[in-house]
Amino acid sequence: QEQLVESGGASVQAGGSLSLSCIKSGVTPTGRRCMAWFRQVPGKQREGVASIATDGRTTYANSVKGRVTISRDSTKDTLYLQMTNLKPDDAGMYYCAAGIAPSDSGICYLERRFFGVWGQGTQVTVSS
C-alpha cells in the first residue's frame, strides 16, 4: 500500500521561503497518476495548492501562482513544494496526496475527491 510522509514544515516570517518534501513508499498504482499538495486551516475545507501529473504538467491555485513550485524526483520517490514570498494566508497544515487524473487529458485537478492517499501533514506557520 502506498504511503506518504511529509516534512519541512516550519515557522517563518512573512516574505520568507520554505521547502516541503513528501517521500512516497509502498506499491504505486499504475495509470494517470497525480501528486499534489493541499493546505488546511482549522475550520476550513482542505484546499488544493499545487499538483503535478505523470507527464510533468503542473496546476496551481490562483493564490500561489508565481510564488510556489511543485516538483518531483522520481529516482527518490519524493515530491517537493518550494514556496517563496510567504504570506500569513499561506499558513496551515500541508498535506501530500496521491491520486488518479479523472480523464484522459491527464490534468490533475486540485479537488480532494480525485486523491485517495494522504500523508499526515506538516505544519507551516507564517508570522507577519
Protein backbone atom coordinates (compact mmCIF):
# COMPACT_ATOMS: atom_id res chain seq x y z
CA GLN A 1 0.00 0.00 0.00
CA GLU A 2 1.24 3.46 -0.91
CA GLN A 3 2.28 5.71 1.95
CA LEU A 4 3.23 9.38 2.05
CA VAL A 5 5.30 11.18 4.67
CA GLU A 6 5.68 14.95 4.63
CA SER A 7 8.44 17.03 6.19
CA GLY A 8 9.83 20.54 6.12
CA GLY A 9 7.09 22.47 7.86
CA ALA A 10 8.31 25.35 10.00
CA SER A 11 7.53 28.78 11.36
CA VAL A 12 8.73 31.56 9.06
CA GLN A 13 8.40 35.30 8.71
CA ALA A 14 6.21 36.78 6.00
CA GLY A 15 8.26 37.23 2.87
CA GLY A 16 10.38 34.21 3.67
CA SER A 17 10.78 30.91 1.84
CA LEU A 18 10.19 27.30 2.71
CA SER A 19 10.54 23.96 1.01
CA LEU A 20 8.38 20.95 1.83
CA SER A 21 9.11 17.33 0.95
CA CYS A 22 6.97 14.25 0.67
CA ILE A 23 8.51 10.80 0.49
CA LYS A 24 6.44 8.08 -1.12
CA SER A 25 6.79 4.41 -0.27
CA GLY A 26 4.93 1.22 -0.96
CA VAL A 27 3.30 -0.04 -4.13
CA THR A 28 2.44 2.69 -6.62
CA PRO A 29 -0.69 2.07 -8.70
CA THR A 30 -0.37 2.42 -12.46
CA GLY A 31 -2.33 4.85 -14.57
CA ARG A 32 -2.70 8.60 -14.92
CA ARG A 33 -1.04 9.44 -11.62
CA CYS A 34 -1.35 12.75 -9.85
CA MET A 35 0.57 14.06 -6.89
CA ALA A 36 -0.44 17.20 -5.09
CA TRP A 37 -0.13 19.43 -2.07
CA PHE A 38 -3.19 20.55 -0.15
CA ARG A 39 -3.49 23.00 2.72
CA GLN A 40 -5.94 23.14 5.58
CA VAL A 41 -6.53 25.62 8.37
CA PRO A 42 -8.83 24.99 11.32
CA GLY A 43 -12.47 25.48 10.45
CA LYS A 44 -11.92 25.50 6.71
CA GLN A 45 -12.00 22.98 3.89
CA ARG A 46 -8.79 21.39 2.75
CA GLU A 47 -7.81 23.23 -0.41
CA GLY A 48 -5.51 22.33 -3.25
CA VAL A 49 -2.27 24.26 -3.60
CA ALA A 50 -0.46 22.57 -6.48
CA SER A 51 -0.45 19.31 -8.42
CA ILE A 52 1.80 17.54 -10.86
CA ALA A 53 0.80 14.94 -13.43
CA THR A 54 2.69 11.93 -14.69
CA ASP A 55 3.81 13.91 -17.74
CA GLY A 56 5.02 16.76 -15.57
CA ARG A 57 2.17 19.17 -16.17
CA THR A 58 1.54 21.33 -13.14
CA THR A 59 -1.54 23.06 -11.81
CA TYR A 60 -1.52 25.82 -9.20
CA ALA A 61 -4.12 27.54 -7.09
CA ASN A 62 -4.50 31.17 -8.12
CA SER A 63 -3.46 32.32 -4.68
CA VAL A 64 0.03 30.81 -5.03
CA LYS A 65 0.83 31.25 -8.72
CA GLY A 66 4.23 32.78 -9.20
CA ARG A 67 5.29 32.05 -5.63
CA VAL A 68 5.11 28.28 -5.44
CA THR A 69 6.73 25.48 -7.43
CA ILE A 70 5.79 21.82 -7.28
CA SER A 71 8.30 19.27 -8.49
CA ARG A 72 9.24 15.66 -8.04
CA ASP A 73 12.29 13.46 -8.13
CA SER A 74 11.14 10.07 -9.34
CA THR A 75 14.50 8.49 -8.54
CA LYS A 76 13.95 9.37 -4.89
CA ASP A 77 10.15 8.91 -4.87
CA THR A 78 9.95 12.42 -3.46
CA LEU A 79 7.56 15.28 -4.11
CA TYR A 80 8.57 18.86 -3.32
CA LEU A 81 6.84 22.17 -2.77
CA GLN A 82 9.01 25.26 -2.88
CA MET A 83 7.34 28.37 -1.53
CA THR A 84 8.65 31.92 -1.71
CA ASN A 85 7.40 35.31 -0.56
CA LEU A 86 5.24 33.58 2.02
CA LYS A 87 2.15 35.36 3.30
CA PRO A 88 0.18 34.79 6.52
CA ASP A 89 -2.61 33.26 4.39
CA ASP A 90 -0.19 30.54 3.31
CA ALA A 91 -0.14 29.15 6.84
CA GLY A 92 -1.77 25.83 7.59
CA MET A 93 -1.27 22.10 7.68
CA TYR A 94 0.17 20.96 4.37
CA TYR A 95 -0.76 17.52 3.12
CA CYS A 96 0.81 15.50 0.37
CA ALA A 97 -1.66 13.49 -1.70
CA ALA A 98 -1.65 10.88 -4.45
CA GLY A 99 -4.44 10.10 -6.85
CA ILE A 100 -5.55 9.44 -10.38
CA ALA A 101 -6.36 12.00 -13.06
CA PRO A 102 -10.12 11.83 -13.73
CA SER A 103 -9.90 11.96 -17.53
CA ASP A 104 -7.73 11.01 -20.47
CA SER A 105 -6.42 14.58 -20.55
CA GLY A 106 -4.28 13.66 -17.58
CA ILE A 107 -4.91 17.00 -15.93
CA CYS A 108 -4.61 16.82 -12.15
CA TYR A 109 -7.40 18.97 -10.80
CA LEU A 110 -6.97 20.37 -7.31
CA GLU A 111 -10.01 18.62 -5.88
CA ARG A 112 -9.88 16.31 -2.89
CA ARG A 113 -12.17 13.74 -4.48
CA PHE A 114 -9.50 12.75 -7.00
CA PHE A 115 -6.94 11.90 -4.31
CA GLY A 116 -7.18 8.75 -2.25
CA VAL A 117 -3.84 8.56 -0.46
CA TRP A 118 -2.84 11.20 2.06
CA GLY A 119 0.08 11.92 4.34
CA GLN A 120 -0.21 13.03 7.95
CA GLY A 121 0.66 16.65 7.19
CA THR A 122 3.36 19.13 8.10
CA GLN A 123 2.62 22.46 9.77
CA VAL A 124 3.54 25.79 8.21
CA THR A 125 3.24 28.97 10.26
CA VAL A 126 3.78 32.41 8.75
CA SER A 127 4.11 35.40 11.03
CA SER A 128 3.62 38.96 9.85
